[in-house]
N, C-alpha and C. Protein backbone atom coordinates (compact mmCIF):
# COMPACT_ATOMS: atom_id res chain seq x y z
N MET A 1 -30.40 -31.59 13.44
CA MET A 1 -30.26 -30.36 12.91
C MET A 1 -28.82 -29.45 13.02
N SER A 2 -28.27 -29.50 12.09
CA SER A 2 -27.19 -28.77 11.91
C SER A 2 -26.76 -27.39 11.73
N GLU A 3 -26.03 -26.73 12.52
CA GLU A 3 -25.98 -25.20 12.63
C GLU A 3 -24.93 -24.99 11.22
N LYS A 4 -25.66 -23.89 10.44
CA LYS A 4 -24.61 -23.61 9.57
C LYS A 4 -23.25 -22.96 9.98
N PRO A 5 -22.20 -23.18 9.21
CA PRO A 5 -21.04 -22.69 9.79
C PRO A 5 -20.75 -21.42 9.40
N LYS A 6 -19.89 -20.82 10.64
CA LYS A 6 -19.83 -19.16 10.12
C LYS A 6 -18.81 -18.84 9.24
N LYS A 7 -19.13 -18.04 8.38
CA LYS A 7 -18.20 -17.55 7.27
C LYS A 7 -17.44 -16.49 8.33
N PRO A 8 -15.98 -16.22 7.68
CA PRO A 8 -15.10 -15.52 7.82
C PRO A 8 -15.79 -13.97 7.96
N PHE A 9 -15.21 -13.12 8.70
CA PHE A 9 -15.82 -11.75 8.60
C PHE A 9 -15.61 -11.05 7.17
N TYR A 10 -14.39 -11.52 6.44
CA TYR A 10 -14.05 -10.94 5.40
C TYR A 10 -14.96 -11.21 4.07
N LYS A 11 -15.50 -12.67 4.52
CA LYS A 11 -16.36 -13.02 3.49
C LYS A 11 -17.85 -12.67 3.52
N LYS A 12 -18.20 -11.57 4.20
CA LYS A 12 -19.35 -11.27 4.61
C LYS A 12 -19.84 -9.89 3.76
N TRP A 13 -20.87 -9.49 3.13
CA TRP A 13 -21.10 -8.41 2.39
C TRP A 13 -20.90 -7.35 3.16
N TRP A 14 -21.44 -7.00 4.38
CA TRP A 14 -21.12 -5.66 5.01
C TRP A 14 -19.61 -5.47 5.22
N PHE A 15 -18.70 -6.48 5.28
CA PHE A 15 -17.36 -6.05 5.41
C PHE A 15 -16.85 -5.63 3.89
N TRP A 16 -17.23 -5.70 2.91
CA TRP A 16 -16.68 -5.14 1.58
C TRP A 16 -17.45 -3.93 1.50
N VAL A 17 -18.58 -3.49 1.95
CA VAL A 17 -19.30 -2.38 1.97
C VAL A 17 -18.47 -1.27 2.82
N VAL A 18 -17.88 -1.87 4.10
CA VAL A 18 -17.27 -1.13 5.00
C VAL A 18 -15.87 -0.55 4.22
N ALA A 19 -15.22 -1.56 3.34
CA ALA A 19 -14.16 -1.64 2.98
C ALA A 19 -14.13 -0.63 1.97
N ILE A 20 -15.35 -0.51 0.99
CA ILE A 20 -15.22 0.13 -0.34
C ILE A 20 -15.23 1.50 0.19
N ILE A 21 -16.26 1.70 1.45
CA ILE A 21 -16.62 3.06 1.89
C ILE A 21 -15.18 3.92 2.44
N ILE A 22 -14.00 2.91 3.06
CA ILE A 22 -13.07 2.97 3.66
C ILE A 22 -12.02 3.45 2.38
N VAL A 23 -12.04 2.70 1.24
CA VAL A 23 -11.13 2.97 0.13
C VAL A 23 -11.37 4.42 -0.42
N ALA A 24 -12.98 4.75 -0.55
CA ALA A 24 -13.27 6.18 -1.18
C ALA A 24 -12.77 6.93 -0.27
N ALA A 25 -13.06 7.19 1.11
CA ALA A 25 -12.44 8.10 1.87
C ALA A 25 -11.01 8.60 2.16
N VAL A 26 -10.25 7.18 1.59
CA VAL A 26 -8.87 7.41 1.57
C VAL A 26 -8.47 7.90 0.18
N ALA A 27 -9.32 7.65 -1.00
CA ALA A 27 -8.82 8.04 -2.21
C ALA A 27 -9.56 9.40 -2.55
N SER A 28 -10.34 10.12 -1.69
CA SER A 28 -10.83 11.39 -1.94
C SER A 28 -9.93 12.57 -0.93
N GLY A 29 -9.20 11.81 -0.26
CA GLY A 29 -8.07 12.72 0.30
C GLY A 29 -8.46 13.18 1.63
N GLY A 30 -9.92 13.92 1.54
CA GLY A 30 -10.06 14.53 3.06
C GLY A 30 -9.26 15.54 3.71
N GLY A 31 -8.29 16.09 3.13
CA GLY A 31 -7.38 17.02 3.58
C GLY A 31 -6.39 16.31 4.51
N GLU A 32 -5.25 17.04 4.51
CA GLU A 32 -3.88 16.43 4.96
C GLU A 32 -3.79 16.33 6.51
N SER A 33 -3.55 15.58 7.31
CA SER A 33 -3.27 15.34 8.72
C SER A 33 -2.04 15.76 8.96
N SER A 34 -1.56 15.91 10.30
CA SER A 34 -0.37 16.66 10.47
C SER A 34 0.71 15.53 10.11
N ASP A 35 0.09 14.27 10.26
CA ASP A 35 1.51 13.19 9.66
C ASP A 35 1.48 13.22 8.19
N GLN A 36 0.40 13.28 7.26
CA GLN A 36 0.51 13.47 6.10
C GLN A 36 1.50 14.85 5.52
N ALA A 37 1.12 15.67 6.30
CA ALA A 37 1.88 17.09 6.21
C ALA A 37 3.31 17.00 6.27
N LYS A 38 3.78 15.99 7.17
CA LYS A 38 5.22 15.93 7.77
C LYS A 38 5.90 15.09 6.64
N GLU A 39 4.91 14.12 6.05
CA GLU A 39 5.29 13.15 5.06
C GLU A 39 5.88 13.78 3.92
N SER A 40 4.77 14.83 3.53
CA SER A 40 4.75 15.58 2.42
C SER A 40 6.10 16.45 2.42
N LYS A 41 6.33 17.27 3.53
CA LYS A 41 7.68 18.16 3.80
C LYS A 41 8.70 17.37 3.35
N LYS A 42 8.89 16.04 4.04
CA LYS A 42 9.84 14.85 3.63
C LYS A 42 10.02 14.65 2.49
N LYS A 43 9.01 14.30 1.57
CA LYS A 43 9.24 14.02 0.32
C LYS A 43 9.50 15.24 -0.42
N GLU A 44 9.17 16.46 -0.47
CA GLU A 44 9.73 17.51 -1.04
C GLU A 44 11.14 17.60 -0.81
N THR A 45 11.65 17.21 0.62
CA THR A 45 13.11 17.52 0.51
C THR A 45 13.91 16.38 -0.04
N VAL A 46 13.27 15.39 -0.13
CA VAL A 46 13.90 14.16 -0.90
C VAL A 46 13.71 14.58 -2.52
N GLU A 47 12.79 14.99 -2.77
CA GLU A 47 12.70 15.60 -4.15
C GLU A 47 13.85 16.55 -4.68
N THR A 48 13.83 17.67 -3.98
CA THR A 48 14.65 18.65 -4.10
C THR A 48 16.29 17.88 -3.60
N GLU A 49 16.37 17.02 -2.96
CA GLU A 49 18.03 16.52 -3.01
C GLU A 49 18.10 15.54 -4.14
N THR A 50 16.97 14.90 -4.75
CA THR A 50 17.05 14.06 -5.74
C THR A 50 17.50 14.92 -6.98
N ALA A 51 16.67 16.08 -7.15
CA ALA A 51 16.77 16.75 -8.31
C ALA A 51 18.22 17.59 -8.14
N THR A 52 18.86 17.78 -7.27
CA THR A 52 20.14 18.31 -6.96
C THR A 52 21.29 17.21 -7.50
N THR A 53 21.01 15.89 -6.89
CA THR A 53 21.83 14.78 -7.49
C THR A 53 21.67 14.26 -8.72
N THR A 54 20.20 14.66 -9.23
CA THR A 54 20.11 14.27 -10.68
C THR A 54 20.89 15.05 -11.69
N ALA A 55 20.95 16.63 -11.50
CA ALA A 55 21.89 17.28 -12.24
C ALA A 55 23.11 16.84 -12.25
N ALA A 56 23.97 16.37 -11.27
CA ALA A 56 25.33 15.70 -11.14
C ALA A 56 25.31 14.25 -11.60
N THR A 57 24.08 13.76 -12.04
CA THR A 57 24.37 12.54 -12.25
C THR A 57 25.17 12.07 -13.46
N PRO A 58 25.68 11.14 -13.68
CA PRO A 58 26.69 10.65 -14.92
C PRO A 58 25.84 10.10 -16.03
N LYS A 59 26.05 10.69 -17.20
CA LYS A 59 25.34 10.12 -18.47
C LYS A 59 24.72 8.73 -18.29
N SER A 60 25.79 7.84 -18.09
CA SER A 60 25.58 6.15 -17.97
C SER A 60 24.17 5.97 -17.21
N GLU A 61 24.06 6.68 -15.79
CA GLU A 61 22.88 6.59 -15.31
C GLU A 61 21.40 6.79 -15.93
N GLU A 62 21.72 8.22 -16.46
CA GLU A 62 20.79 8.73 -17.13
C GLU A 62 20.31 7.45 -18.56
N LYS A 63 21.14 7.11 -19.24
CA LYS A 63 20.82 6.43 -20.32
C LYS A 63 20.17 5.00 -19.46
N LYS A 64 20.97 4.62 -18.58
CA LYS A 64 20.28 3.51 -17.88
C LYS A 64 18.62 3.84 -17.53
N GLU A 65 18.42 4.73 -17.04
CA GLU A 65 16.90 5.37 -16.78
C GLU A 65 16.26 5.00 -18.14
N ASP A 66 16.87 5.79 -19.09
CA ASP A 66 16.15 6.11 -20.24
C ASP A 66 15.91 4.60 -20.88
N ASN A 67 16.49 3.14 -20.51
CA ASN A 67 16.28 2.22 -20.97
C ASN A 67 15.08 1.56 -20.19
N VAL A 68 14.71 1.91 -19.49
CA VAL A 68 13.42 1.46 -18.80
C VAL A 68 12.16 1.78 -19.71
N PRO A 69 11.34 0.45 -19.89
CA PRO A 69 10.49 0.68 -20.81
C PRO A 69 9.21 1.67 -20.12
N ARG A 70 8.34 2.46 -20.79
CA ARG A 70 7.50 3.29 -20.35
C ARG A 70 6.59 2.63 -19.66
N GLU A 71 6.06 1.42 -19.76
CA GLU A 71 5.12 0.55 -19.11
C GLU A 71 5.65 0.22 -17.54
N TYR A 72 6.90 -0.21 -17.39
CA TYR A 72 7.86 -0.47 -16.14
C TYR A 72 7.64 1.16 -15.38
N LYS A 73 7.83 1.95 -16.08
CA LYS A 73 7.53 3.22 -15.10
C LYS A 73 6.35 3.68 -14.75
N ALA A 74 5.26 3.36 -15.60
CA ALA A 74 3.96 3.47 -15.44
C ALA A 74 3.54 2.66 -13.69
N ALA A 75 4.10 1.69 -14.14
CA ALA A 75 3.69 0.42 -12.98
C ALA A 75 4.33 1.16 -11.77
N LEU A 76 5.63 1.41 -11.75
CA LEU A 76 6.25 1.69 -10.74
C LEU A 76 5.30 2.93 -10.09
N GLU A 77 4.98 4.13 -10.75
CA GLU A 77 4.34 5.16 -10.47
C GLU A 77 2.63 4.85 -9.86
N LYS A 78 2.32 3.51 -10.38
CA LYS A 78 0.89 3.24 -9.68
C LYS A 78 1.27 2.49 -8.66
N ALA A 79 2.07 1.80 -8.55
CA ALA A 79 2.33 1.21 -7.20
C ALA A 79 3.04 2.44 -6.05
N LYS A 80 3.30 3.55 -6.36
CA LYS A 80 3.65 4.44 -5.58
C LYS A 80 2.19 5.27 -5.16
N GLN A 81 1.34 5.09 -5.85
CA GLN A 81 -0.03 5.81 -5.45
C GLN A 81 -0.88 4.86 -4.65
N TYR A 82 -0.60 3.21 -4.71
CA TYR A 82 -1.39 2.47 -4.12
C TYR A 82 -0.56 2.39 -2.79
N ALA A 83 0.70 2.41 -2.63
CA ALA A 83 1.26 2.49 -1.27
C ALA A 83 1.13 4.01 -0.52
N LYS A 84 0.88 5.15 -1.08
CA LYS A 84 0.64 6.46 -0.33
C LYS A 84 -0.84 6.63 0.01
N THR A 85 -1.66 6.44 -1.23
CA THR A 85 -2.90 6.66 -0.66
C THR A 85 -4.00 5.41 0.06
N MET A 86 -3.60 4.25 -0.42
CA MET A 86 -4.46 3.27 0.31
C MET A 86 -3.42 2.34 1.17
N HIS A 87 -2.47 2.70 1.42
CA HIS A 87 -1.63 2.15 2.54
C HIS A 87 -1.48 0.72 2.27
N MET A 88 -1.34 0.37 0.98
CA MET A 88 -1.32 -1.35 0.88
C MET A 88 0.04 -1.79 0.96
N SER A 89 0.04 -3.13 1.29
CA SER A 89 1.50 -3.86 1.23
C SER A 89 1.99 -4.21 0.25
N LYS A 90 3.20 -4.59 -0.10
CA LYS A 90 3.99 -4.74 -1.05
C LYS A 90 3.38 -5.88 -2.11
N ALA A 91 2.88 -7.06 -1.17
CA ALA A 91 2.33 -8.03 -1.98
C ALA A 91 0.82 -7.70 -2.65
N ALA A 92 0.08 -6.94 -1.91
CA ALA A 92 -1.44 -6.53 -2.36
C ALA A 92 -1.04 -5.66 -3.58
N ILE A 93 -0.11 -4.57 -3.53
CA ILE A 93 0.18 -3.97 -4.73
C ILE A 93 0.62 -4.80 -5.86
N TYR A 94 1.45 -5.82 -5.83
CA TYR A 94 1.81 -6.40 -6.77
C TYR A 94 0.84 -7.03 -7.49
N ASP A 95 -0.17 -7.64 -6.48
CA ASP A 95 -1.61 -8.52 -7.36
C ASP A 95 -2.12 -7.52 -7.86
N GLN A 96 -2.50 -6.08 -7.39
CA GLN A 96 -3.24 -5.13 -7.91
C GLN A 96 -2.76 -4.92 -9.41
N LEU A 97 -1.51 -4.75 -9.60
CA LEU A 97 -0.79 -4.32 -10.64
C LEU A 97 -1.05 -5.64 -11.85
N VAL A 98 -0.97 -6.44 -11.36
CA VAL A 98 -0.90 -7.84 -12.27
C VAL A 98 -2.40 -8.52 -12.39
N SER A 99 -3.48 -7.87 -11.65
CA SER A 99 -4.77 -8.35 -11.86
C SER A 99 -5.39 -7.99 -13.12
N GLU A 100 -6.09 -8.77 -13.89
CA GLU A 100 -6.54 -8.50 -15.23
C GLU A 100 -8.05 -7.53 -14.85
N TYR A 101 -8.27 -7.34 -13.30
CA TYR A 101 -9.62 -6.71 -13.09
C TYR A 101 -8.98 -5.40 -12.45
N GLY A 102 -7.73 -5.59 -12.38
CA GLY A 102 -6.87 -4.35 -11.73
C GLY A 102 -6.28 -3.44 -12.86
N GLU A 103 -4.94 -3.56 -12.69
CA GLU A 103 -4.09 -2.45 -13.69
C GLU A 103 -3.51 -3.29 -14.88
N ALA A 104 -3.73 -4.76 -15.02
CA ALA A 104 -3.27 -5.42 -15.88
C ALA A 104 -1.78 -5.45 -16.56
N PHE A 105 -1.03 -4.89 -15.50
CA PHE A 105 0.59 -4.93 -16.04
C PHE A 105 1.11 -6.10 -16.25
N PRO A 106 2.24 -6.65 -17.31
CA PRO A 106 2.69 -7.52 -17.24
C PRO A 106 3.44 -7.83 -15.86
N GLU A 107 3.96 -9.48 -15.73
CA GLU A 107 4.51 -9.51 -14.49
C GLU A 107 5.85 -8.85 -14.31
N GLU A 108 6.35 -8.84 -15.43
CA GLU A 108 7.63 -8.19 -15.35
C GLU A 108 7.71 -6.68 -14.93
N ALA A 109 6.74 -6.22 -15.59
CA ALA A 109 6.52 -4.59 -15.07
C ALA A 109 6.19 -4.36 -13.53
N ALA A 110 5.37 -5.32 -13.02
CA ALA A 110 5.05 -5.24 -11.73
C ALA A 110 5.93 -5.96 -10.83
N LYS A 111 7.01 -6.62 -11.22
CA LYS A 111 8.25 -6.82 -10.66
C LYS A 111 8.91 -5.67 -10.63
N TYR A 112 9.22 -5.04 -11.52
CA TYR A 112 10.19 -3.72 -11.57
C TYR A 112 9.65 -2.86 -10.64
N ALA A 113 8.10 -2.56 -10.57
CA ALA A 113 7.77 -1.41 -9.71
C ALA A 113 7.94 -1.94 -8.10
N ILE A 114 7.94 -3.25 -7.86
CA ILE A 114 7.84 -3.96 -6.36
C ILE A 114 9.47 -3.67 -6.06
N ASP A 115 10.22 -3.88 -6.75
CA ASP A 115 11.71 -4.02 -6.72
C ASP A 115 12.11 -2.60 -6.45
N ASN A 116 11.81 -1.42 -7.29
CA ASN A 116 12.24 -0.29 -7.34
C ASN A 116 11.35 0.76 -6.29
N LEU A 117 10.34 0.14 -5.70
CA LEU A 117 9.56 0.97 -4.86
C LEU A 117 10.12 1.00 -3.42
N GLU A 118 10.69 2.09 -3.16
CA GLU A 118 11.43 2.39 -1.54
C GLU A 118 10.28 2.81 -1.05
N TRP A 119 9.64 2.05 -0.17
CA TRP A 119 8.73 2.52 1.32
C TRP A 119 8.42 1.83 2.49
N ASP A 120 8.06 2.72 3.64
CA ASP A 120 8.04 1.98 4.83
C ASP A 120 6.70 0.96 4.94
N TRP A 121 6.87 -0.30 4.59
CA TRP A 121 5.61 -0.90 4.62
C TRP A 121 5.21 -1.22 6.26
N LYS A 122 5.97 -1.23 6.94
CA LYS A 122 5.37 -1.02 8.56
C LYS A 122 4.58 0.00 8.61
N ALA A 123 4.94 1.20 8.55
CA ALA A 123 4.05 2.44 8.34
C ALA A 123 2.82 2.25 7.55
N ASN A 124 2.75 1.32 6.49
CA ASN A 124 1.54 1.31 6.08
C ASN A 124 0.73 0.42 6.72
N ALA A 125 1.39 -0.97 7.18
CA ALA A 125 0.64 -1.76 7.93
C ALA A 125 0.02 -0.91 9.21
N LEU A 126 0.70 -0.08 9.91
CA LEU A 126 -0.04 0.64 10.97
C LEU A 126 -1.07 1.45 10.49
N GLU A 127 -0.91 2.15 9.50
CA GLU A 127 -2.01 3.04 9.01
C GLU A 127 -3.39 1.86 8.87
N LYS A 128 -3.29 0.99 8.02
CA LYS A 128 -4.40 0.09 7.71
C LYS A 128 -4.92 -0.27 8.99
N ALA A 129 -3.90 -0.77 10.20
CA ALA A 129 -4.55 -1.16 11.44
C ALA A 129 -5.29 -0.14 12.23
N LYS A 130 -4.76 1.11 11.91
CA LYS A 130 -5.48 2.23 12.66
C LYS A 130 -7.04 2.43 11.90
N GLN A 131 -6.93 2.11 10.63
CA GLN A 131 -8.46 2.07 9.85
C GLN A 131 -9.22 1.36 10.46
N TYR A 132 -8.93 0.15 10.29
CA TYR A 132 -9.66 -1.34 11.12
C TYR A 132 -10.21 -1.14 12.41
N ALA A 133 -9.01 -0.33 13.34
CA ALA A 133 -9.54 -0.15 14.70
C ALA A 133 -10.45 0.95 14.87
N LYS A 134 -10.48 2.16 14.14
CA LYS A 134 -11.10 3.15 14.05
C LYS A 134 -12.80 2.98 13.31
N THR A 135 -12.72 2.37 12.56
CA THR A 135 -13.88 2.22 11.76
C THR A 135 -14.66 0.98 11.80
N MET A 136 -14.01 -0.40 12.42
CA MET A 136 -14.48 -1.66 12.54
C MET A 136 -14.37 -1.87 14.06
N ASN A 137 -13.91 -1.07 15.06
CA ASN A 137 -13.84 -1.52 16.18
C ASN A 137 -13.48 -2.83 16.54
N MET A 138 -12.22 -3.51 15.53
CA MET A 138 -11.66 -4.76 15.53
C MET A 138 -10.64 -4.88 16.75
N SER A 139 -10.76 -6.30 17.20
CA SER A 139 -9.79 -6.38 18.57
C SER A 139 -8.34 -6.72 17.78
N ASN A 140 -7.20 -6.49 18.42
CA ASN A 140 -5.89 -6.42 18.15
C ASN A 140 -5.64 -7.68 17.34
N GLN A 141 -6.32 -9.08 17.81
CA GLN A 141 -6.13 -10.10 16.94
C GLN A 141 -6.68 -10.31 15.78
N ALA A 142 -7.97 -9.80 15.56
CA ALA A 142 -8.60 -9.71 14.46
C ALA A 142 -7.90 -9.06 13.56
N ILE A 143 -7.48 -7.69 13.72
CA ILE A 143 -6.61 -6.53 12.93
C ILE A 143 -5.43 -7.67 12.56
N TYR A 144 -4.49 -7.99 13.38
CA TYR A 144 -3.49 -8.81 12.97
C TYR A 144 -3.71 -9.93 11.87
N GLU A 145 -4.82 -10.73 12.23
CA GLU A 145 -5.36 -11.63 11.33
C GLU A 145 -5.53 -11.04 9.84
N GLN A 146 -6.28 -9.91 10.05
CA GLN A 146 -6.79 -9.13 8.67
C GLN A 146 -5.16 -8.48 7.80
N LEU A 147 -4.71 -8.37 8.54
CA LEU A 147 -3.55 -7.72 8.08
C LEU A 147 -2.47 -8.68 7.08
N VAL A 148 -2.26 -9.89 7.86
CA VAL A 148 -1.61 -10.93 7.35
C VAL A 148 -2.28 -12.15 6.22
N SER A 149 -3.41 -11.77 6.44
CA SER A 149 -4.60 -12.79 5.54
C SER A 149 -4.12 -12.67 4.01
N GLU A 150 -4.12 -13.94 3.63
CA GLU A 150 -4.00 -14.11 2.09
C GLU A 150 -5.31 -13.20 1.68
N HIS A 151 -6.07 -13.46 2.01
CA HIS A 151 -7.61 -12.80 1.32
C HIS A 151 -7.76 -11.54 1.91
N GLY A 152 -6.79 -11.01 2.45
CA GLY A 152 -6.87 -9.56 3.10
C GLY A 152 -5.81 -8.70 2.51
N GLU A 153 -4.97 -8.25 3.72
CA GLU A 153 -3.99 -7.29 3.46
C GLU A 153 -2.85 -7.55 2.92
N LYS A 154 -2.33 -9.01 3.26
CA LYS A 154 -1.24 -9.34 2.76
C LYS A 154 0.18 -9.02 3.33
N PHE A 155 0.17 -8.31 4.38
CA PHE A 155 1.51 -7.94 4.98
C PHE A 155 2.10 -8.83 5.73
N THR A 156 3.67 -8.80 6.02
CA THR A 156 4.51 -10.04 6.29
C THR A 156 3.87 -9.85 7.78
N PRO A 157 4.16 -10.99 8.40
CA PRO A 157 3.81 -11.09 10.09
C PRO A 157 4.50 -10.20 10.75
N GLU A 158 5.80 -9.62 10.39
CA GLU A 158 6.50 -8.61 11.09
C GLU A 158 5.75 -7.27 11.09
N GLU A 159 5.65 -7.27 9.80
CA GLU A 159 4.90 -5.69 9.50
C GLU A 159 4.03 -5.57 10.28
N ALA A 160 2.85 -6.87 10.45
CA ALA A 160 1.62 -6.47 11.34
C ALA A 160 1.86 -6.84 12.48
N GLN A 161 2.75 -7.26 12.84
CA GLN A 161 3.18 -7.30 14.57
C GLN A 161 3.46 -6.01 15.24
N TYR A 162 4.59 -5.29 13.98
CA TYR A 162 5.09 -3.87 14.23
C TYR A 162 3.61 -3.09 14.42
N ALA A 163 2.65 -3.18 13.55
CA ALA A 163 1.45 -2.40 13.68
C ALA A 163 0.54 -2.41 14.85
N ILE A 164 0.64 -3.78 15.30
CA ILE A 164 -0.14 -4.19 16.53
C ILE A 164 0.50 -3.56 17.73
N ASP A 165 1.74 -3.61 17.63
CA ASP A 165 2.30 -2.94 18.75
C ASP A 165 2.60 -1.53 18.94
N HIS A 166 2.46 -0.93 17.74
CA HIS A 166 2.24 0.44 17.80
C HIS A 166 0.86 1.25 17.71
N LEU A 167 -0.33 0.20 17.65
CA LEU A 167 -1.60 0.61 17.87
C LEU A 167 -1.80 1.34 18.77
N LYS A 168 -2.60 2.81 18.83
CA LYS A 168 -3.07 3.33 20.29
C LYS A 168 -4.40 3.28 20.12
């Protein structure tokens, strides 16, 4: 009698149920935490500065922005939503943008979005790590493996290690 080999945890049905619950909770908002409030305040400041700078932007830069196809701009906005609300990695966002089961953007639009999205990926890795630690009571090693997994979150090893080092 041979024993049945164990499936990795991310291939078990309960993992996906928990993941869907987490995604739904994050998507519903659930009110702003103090970190989110600080981030919102920073964003407002940046947007104000950007608006001021944009008013003084030369015509050539405005024309350059006008030459960006609508679909590229849409992909960039969708990428921002995934980064902000779901704390996804750069690679995971790209995959979601081009997936026929996701957003179905052309590869060029997704590449434009990823190349033009300025985001703190280490902070996103840390937020994901906190979610796994809180909701699934996972060990640091299991969290790290999930963060860097090709079938998981797809963060870089550096981003995942930062998350583990700053996990409380």
